[in-house]
Amino acid sequence: MKILTNQTKTNMSTLYDKLKPEYKKSLNEQEELYPTLVKGIKCALQENYLWSHLSIGQVRELISFTSMSLGSMSSYDWSYGEKLLICED
């Protein structure tokens, strides 16, 4: 089991860094209308390095600011967020 320490965190990208550009753009465009919600989502993404550390509510709120529907997300998408994140090789 890999433990996240301050040293390993500095070498990792946050979930916000990994978020696909079109979803960052969507969040930024809607921030004026929904400042509290968007700020909360951005903070959660900027403070976490692993998708599994987000709550279901945080993921649901993120999806609501995209062009995707909740029903289009498979259980794999919910578990790993690959539809929303840039995959690292």
N, C-alpha and C. Protein backbone atom coordinates (compact mmCIF):
# COMPACT_ATOMS: atom_id res chain seq x y z
N MET A 1 0.84 -1.17 0.00
CA MET A 1 0.00 0.00 0.00
C MET A 1 0.88 1.23 0.00
N LYS A 2 0.61 2.14 -0.92
CA LYS A 2 1.39 3.36 -1.03
C LYS A 2 0.78 4.44 -0.13
N ILE A 3 1.59 5.03 0.69
CA ILE A 3 1.16 6.07 1.61
C ILE A 3 1.51 7.43 0.99
N LEU A 4 0.54 8.36 1.03
CA LEU A 4 0.80 9.71 0.54
C LEU A 4 1.44 10.53 1.66
N THR A 5 2.63 11.03 1.39
CA THR A 5 3.32 11.91 2.32
C THR A 5 3.48 13.27 1.65
N ASN A 6 3.95 14.25 2.39
CA ASN A 6 4.19 15.56 1.79
C ASN A 6 5.18 15.46 0.64
N GLN A 7 6.16 14.59 0.75
CA GLN A 7 7.15 14.42 -0.31
C GLN A 7 6.52 13.84 -1.57
N THR A 8 5.69 12.82 -1.44
CA THR A 8 5.08 12.22 -2.63
C THR A 8 4.03 13.15 -3.22
N LYS A 9 3.34 13.94 -2.41
CA LYS A 9 2.34 14.87 -2.92
C LYS A 9 2.96 15.94 -3.81
N THR A 10 4.16 16.39 -3.48
CA THR A 10 4.77 17.43 -4.29
C THR A 10 5.11 16.93 -5.68
N ASN A 11 5.22 15.64 -5.86
CA ASN A 11 5.53 15.07 -7.17
C ASN A 11 4.28 14.66 -7.93
N MET A 12 3.11 14.85 -7.35
CA MET A 12 1.87 14.41 -7.97
C MET A 12 1.05 15.61 -8.44
N SER A 13 0.26 15.37 -9.48
CA SER A 13 -0.67 16.39 -9.96
C SER A 13 -1.97 16.28 -9.18
N THR A 14 -2.58 17.41 -8.90
CA THR A 14 -3.89 17.38 -8.25
C THR A 14 -4.94 16.96 -9.27
N LEU A 15 -6.11 16.63 -8.77
CA LEU A 15 -7.20 16.28 -9.68
C LEU A 15 -7.57 17.48 -10.56
N TYR A 16 -7.43 18.68 -10.04
CA TYR A 16 -7.71 19.86 -10.86
C TYR A 16 -6.70 19.96 -12.00
N ASP A 17 -5.44 19.66 -11.74
CA ASP A 17 -4.42 19.66 -12.79
C ASP A 17 -4.74 18.63 -13.87
N LYS A 18 -5.32 17.51 -13.47
CA LYS A 18 -5.62 16.41 -14.39
C LYS A 18 -6.97 16.58 -15.10
N LEU A 19 -7.78 17.53 -14.65
CA LEU A 19 -9.10 17.72 -15.25
C LEU A 19 -8.96 18.14 -16.71
N LYS A 20 -9.74 17.52 -17.58
CA LYS A 20 -9.67 17.84 -19.01
C LYS A 20 -10.01 19.32 -19.21
N PRO A 21 -9.34 19.97 -20.16
CA PRO A 21 -9.51 21.41 -20.38
C PRO A 21 -10.96 21.84 -20.61
N GLU A 22 -11.73 21.05 -21.31
CA GLU A 22 -13.11 21.44 -21.58
C GLU A 22 -13.95 21.50 -20.31
N TYR A 23 -13.60 20.71 -19.30
CA TYR A 23 -14.34 20.74 -18.04
C TYR A 23 -13.87 21.88 -17.14
N LYS A 24 -12.58 22.21 -17.21
CA LYS A 24 -12.10 23.40 -16.50
C LYS A 24 -12.79 24.64 -17.07
N LYS A 25 -12.87 24.69 -18.40
CA LYS A 25 -13.52 25.82 -19.06
C LYS A 25 -14.98 25.93 -18.64
N SER A 26 -15.66 24.80 -18.60
CA SER A 26 -17.06 24.78 -18.20
C SER A 26 -17.24 25.29 -16.77
N LEU A 27 -16.37 24.86 -15.87
CA LEU A 27 -16.43 25.35 -14.49
C LEU A 27 -16.21 26.86 -14.43
N ASN A 28 -15.21 27.33 -15.14
CA ASN A 28 -14.90 28.76 -15.12
C ASN A 28 -16.04 29.60 -15.69
N GLU A 29 -16.68 29.09 -16.74
CA GLU A 29 -17.79 29.82 -17.36
C GLU A 29 -19.00 29.94 -16.43
N GLN A 30 -19.18 28.95 -15.58
CA GLN A 30 -20.36 28.94 -14.71
C GLN A 30 -20.08 29.47 -13.31
N GLU A 31 -18.85 29.85 -13.06
CA GLU A 31 -18.47 30.32 -11.73
C GLU A 31 -19.19 31.61 -11.33
N GLU A 32 -19.47 32.48 -12.29
CA GLU A 32 -20.16 33.72 -11.96
C GLU A 32 -21.60 33.46 -11.51
N LEU A 33 -22.26 32.48 -12.14
CA LEU A 33 -23.64 32.15 -11.78
C LEU A 33 -23.74 31.35 -10.49
N TYR A 34 -22.78 30.47 -10.26
CA TYR A 34 -22.82 29.56 -9.10
C TYR A 34 -21.49 29.61 -8.35
N PRO A 35 -21.12 30.75 -7.80
CA PRO A 35 -19.78 30.89 -7.22
C PRO A 35 -19.48 29.93 -6.08
N THR A 36 -20.42 29.71 -5.20
CA THR A 36 -20.16 28.84 -4.05
C THR A 36 -19.98 27.39 -4.48
N LEU A 37 -20.86 26.90 -5.35
CA LEU A 37 -20.76 25.51 -5.81
C LEU A 37 -19.47 25.27 -6.59
N VAL A 38 -19.18 26.16 -7.52
CA VAL A 38 -17.99 25.98 -8.35
C VAL A 38 -16.72 26.09 -7.50
N LYS A 39 -16.69 27.04 -6.57
CA LYS A 39 -15.53 27.17 -5.69
C LYS A 39 -15.33 25.89 -4.87
N GLY A 40 -16.42 25.32 -4.38
CA GLY A 40 -16.33 24.08 -3.62
C GLY A 40 -15.77 22.93 -4.44
N ILE A 41 -16.23 22.84 -5.68
CA ILE A 41 -15.74 21.77 -6.57
C ILE A 41 -14.26 21.98 -6.87
N LYS A 42 -13.90 23.22 -7.21
CA LYS A 42 -12.50 23.51 -7.51
C LYS A 42 -11.60 23.20 -6.31
N CYS A 43 -12.03 23.60 -5.12
CA CYS A 43 -11.24 23.32 -3.91
C CYS A 43 -11.05 21.82 -3.70
N ALA A 44 -12.12 21.07 -3.87
CA ALA A 44 -12.03 19.62 -3.71
C ALA A 44 -11.04 19.02 -4.71
N LEU A 45 -11.08 19.50 -5.94
CA LEU A 45 -10.17 18.99 -6.97
C LEU A 45 -8.73 19.42 -6.71
N GLN A 46 -8.55 20.64 -6.21
CA GLN A 46 -7.20 21.14 -5.94
C GLN A 46 -6.58 20.53 -4.69
N GLU A 47 -7.40 20.05 -3.78
CA GLU A 47 -6.89 19.49 -2.52
C GLU A 47 -6.70 17.98 -2.58
N ASN A 48 -7.16 17.34 -3.65
CA ASN A 48 -7.07 15.89 -3.73
C ASN A 48 -6.22 15.45 -4.91
N TYR A 49 -5.54 14.34 -4.70
CA TYR A 49 -4.65 13.78 -5.70
C TYR A 49 -5.22 12.49 -6.29
N LEU A 50 -6.14 11.88 -5.57
CA LEU A 50 -6.72 10.61 -6.00
C LEU A 50 -8.23 10.76 -6.14
N TRP A 51 -8.77 10.26 -7.24
CA TRP A 51 -10.21 10.33 -7.52
C TRP A 51 -11.02 9.71 -6.39
N SER A 52 -10.52 8.65 -5.82
CA SER A 52 -11.25 7.94 -4.76
C SER A 52 -11.40 8.76 -3.48
N HIS A 53 -10.68 9.86 -3.37
CA HIS A 53 -10.80 10.71 -2.19
C HIS A 53 -11.95 11.72 -2.30
N LEU A 54 -12.55 11.83 -3.49
CA LEU A 54 -13.72 12.70 -3.65
C LEU A 54 -14.96 11.98 -3.15
N SER A 55 -15.90 12.75 -2.64
CA SER A 55 -17.17 12.14 -2.24
C SER A 55 -18.06 11.98 -3.47
N ILE A 56 -19.07 11.15 -3.35
CA ILE A 56 -20.03 10.97 -4.44
C ILE A 56 -20.70 12.31 -4.75
N GLY A 57 -21.00 13.08 -3.73
CA GLY A 57 -21.62 14.39 -3.91
C GLY A 57 -20.73 15.34 -4.69
N GLN A 58 -19.45 15.33 -4.41
CA GLN A 58 -18.53 16.20 -5.13
C GLN A 58 -18.44 15.81 -6.60
N VAL A 59 -18.41 14.52 -6.87
CA VAL A 59 -18.38 14.05 -8.25
C VAL A 59 -19.68 14.41 -8.96
N ARG A 60 -20.80 14.22 -8.29
CA ARG A 60 -22.11 14.55 -8.87
C ARG A 60 -22.18 16.04 -9.21
N GLU A 61 -21.70 16.89 -8.31
CA GLU A 61 -21.71 18.33 -8.58
C GLU A 61 -20.80 18.68 -9.75
N LEU A 62 -19.63 18.06 -9.83
CA LEU A 62 -18.74 18.30 -10.96
C LEU A 62 -19.43 17.92 -12.27
N ILE A 63 -20.04 16.76 -12.31
CA ILE A 63 -20.71 16.30 -13.52
C ILE A 63 -21.84 17.25 -13.92
N SER A 64 -22.52 17.82 -12.93
CA SER A 64 -23.62 18.73 -13.24
C SER A 64 -23.16 19.98 -13.98
N PHE A 65 -21.88 20.31 -13.91
CA PHE A 65 -21.34 21.47 -14.62
C PHE A 65 -20.68 21.09 -15.95
N THR A 66 -20.91 19.88 -16.39
CA THR A 66 -20.39 19.43 -17.69
C THR A 66 -21.57 19.15 -18.61
N SER A 67 -21.26 18.75 -19.83
CA SER A 67 -22.31 18.40 -20.78
C SER A 67 -22.76 16.94 -20.61
N MET A 68 -22.16 16.23 -19.69
CA MET A 68 -22.52 14.82 -19.45
C MET A 68 -23.75 14.73 -18.55
N SER A 69 -24.43 13.60 -18.66
CA SER A 69 -25.53 13.34 -17.74
C SER A 69 -25.05 12.31 -16.71
N LEU A 70 -25.68 12.34 -15.56
CA LEU A 70 -25.31 11.37 -14.52
C LEU A 70 -25.52 9.94 -15.02
N GLY A 71 -26.56 9.73 -15.83
CA GLY A 71 -26.86 8.40 -16.34
C GLY A 71 -25.84 7.88 -17.34
N SER A 72 -25.05 8.78 -17.93
CA SER A 72 -24.06 8.35 -18.91
C SER A 72 -22.78 7.83 -18.25
N MET A 73 -22.69 7.99 -16.94
CA MET A 73 -21.51 7.54 -16.22
C MET A 73 -21.64 6.07 -15.84
N SER A 74 -20.70 5.27 -16.28
CA SER A 74 -20.69 3.86 -15.89
C SER A 74 -20.12 3.73 -14.48
N SER A 75 -20.24 2.55 -13.92
CA SER A 75 -19.66 2.34 -12.59
C SER A 75 -18.15 2.53 -12.64
N TYR A 76 -17.53 2.19 -13.75
CA TYR A 76 -16.09 2.39 -13.93
C TYR A 76 -15.76 3.88 -13.91
N ASP A 77 -16.59 4.68 -14.61
CA ASP A 77 -16.38 6.14 -14.63
C ASP A 77 -16.50 6.72 -13.23
N TRP A 78 -17.50 6.28 -12.47
CA TRP A 78 -17.68 6.76 -11.10
C TRP A 78 -16.47 6.37 -10.24
N SER A 79 -15.94 5.19 -10.48
CA SER A 79 -14.82 4.69 -9.66
C SER A 79 -13.50 5.35 -9.98
N TYR A 80 -13.25 5.66 -11.27
CA TYR A 80 -11.93 6.12 -11.67
C TYR A 80 -11.90 7.50 -12.33
N GLY A 81 -13.03 8.04 -12.73
CA GLY A 81 -13.10 9.38 -13.29
C GLY A 81 -12.44 9.59 -14.64
N GLU A 82 -12.22 8.51 -15.38
CA GLU A 82 -11.46 8.63 -16.63
C GLU A 82 -12.15 9.48 -17.69
N LYS A 83 -13.47 9.62 -17.65
CA LYS A 83 -14.14 10.48 -18.62
C LYS A 83 -13.81 11.95 -18.38
N LEU A 84 -13.45 12.28 -17.16
CA LEU A 84 -13.23 13.67 -16.78
C LEU A 84 -11.76 14.06 -16.67
N LEU A 85 -10.90 13.07 -16.51
CA LEU A 85 -9.49 13.35 -16.26
C LEU A 85 -8.60 12.99 -17.43
N ILE A 86 -7.51 13.71 -17.55
CA ILE A 86 -6.49 13.38 -18.54
C ILE A 86 -5.75 12.16 -18.00
N CYS A 87 -5.70 11.12 -18.77
CA CYS A 87 -5.03 9.88 -18.32
C CYS A 87 -3.52 10.03 -18.45
N GLU A 88 -2.85 9.66 -17.41
CA GLU A 88 -1.39 9.69 -17.42
C GLU A 88 -0.87 8.33 -17.85
N ASP A 89 0.18 8.34 -18.64
CA ASP A 89 0.78 7.08 -19.09
C ASP A 89 1.79 6.57 -18.12
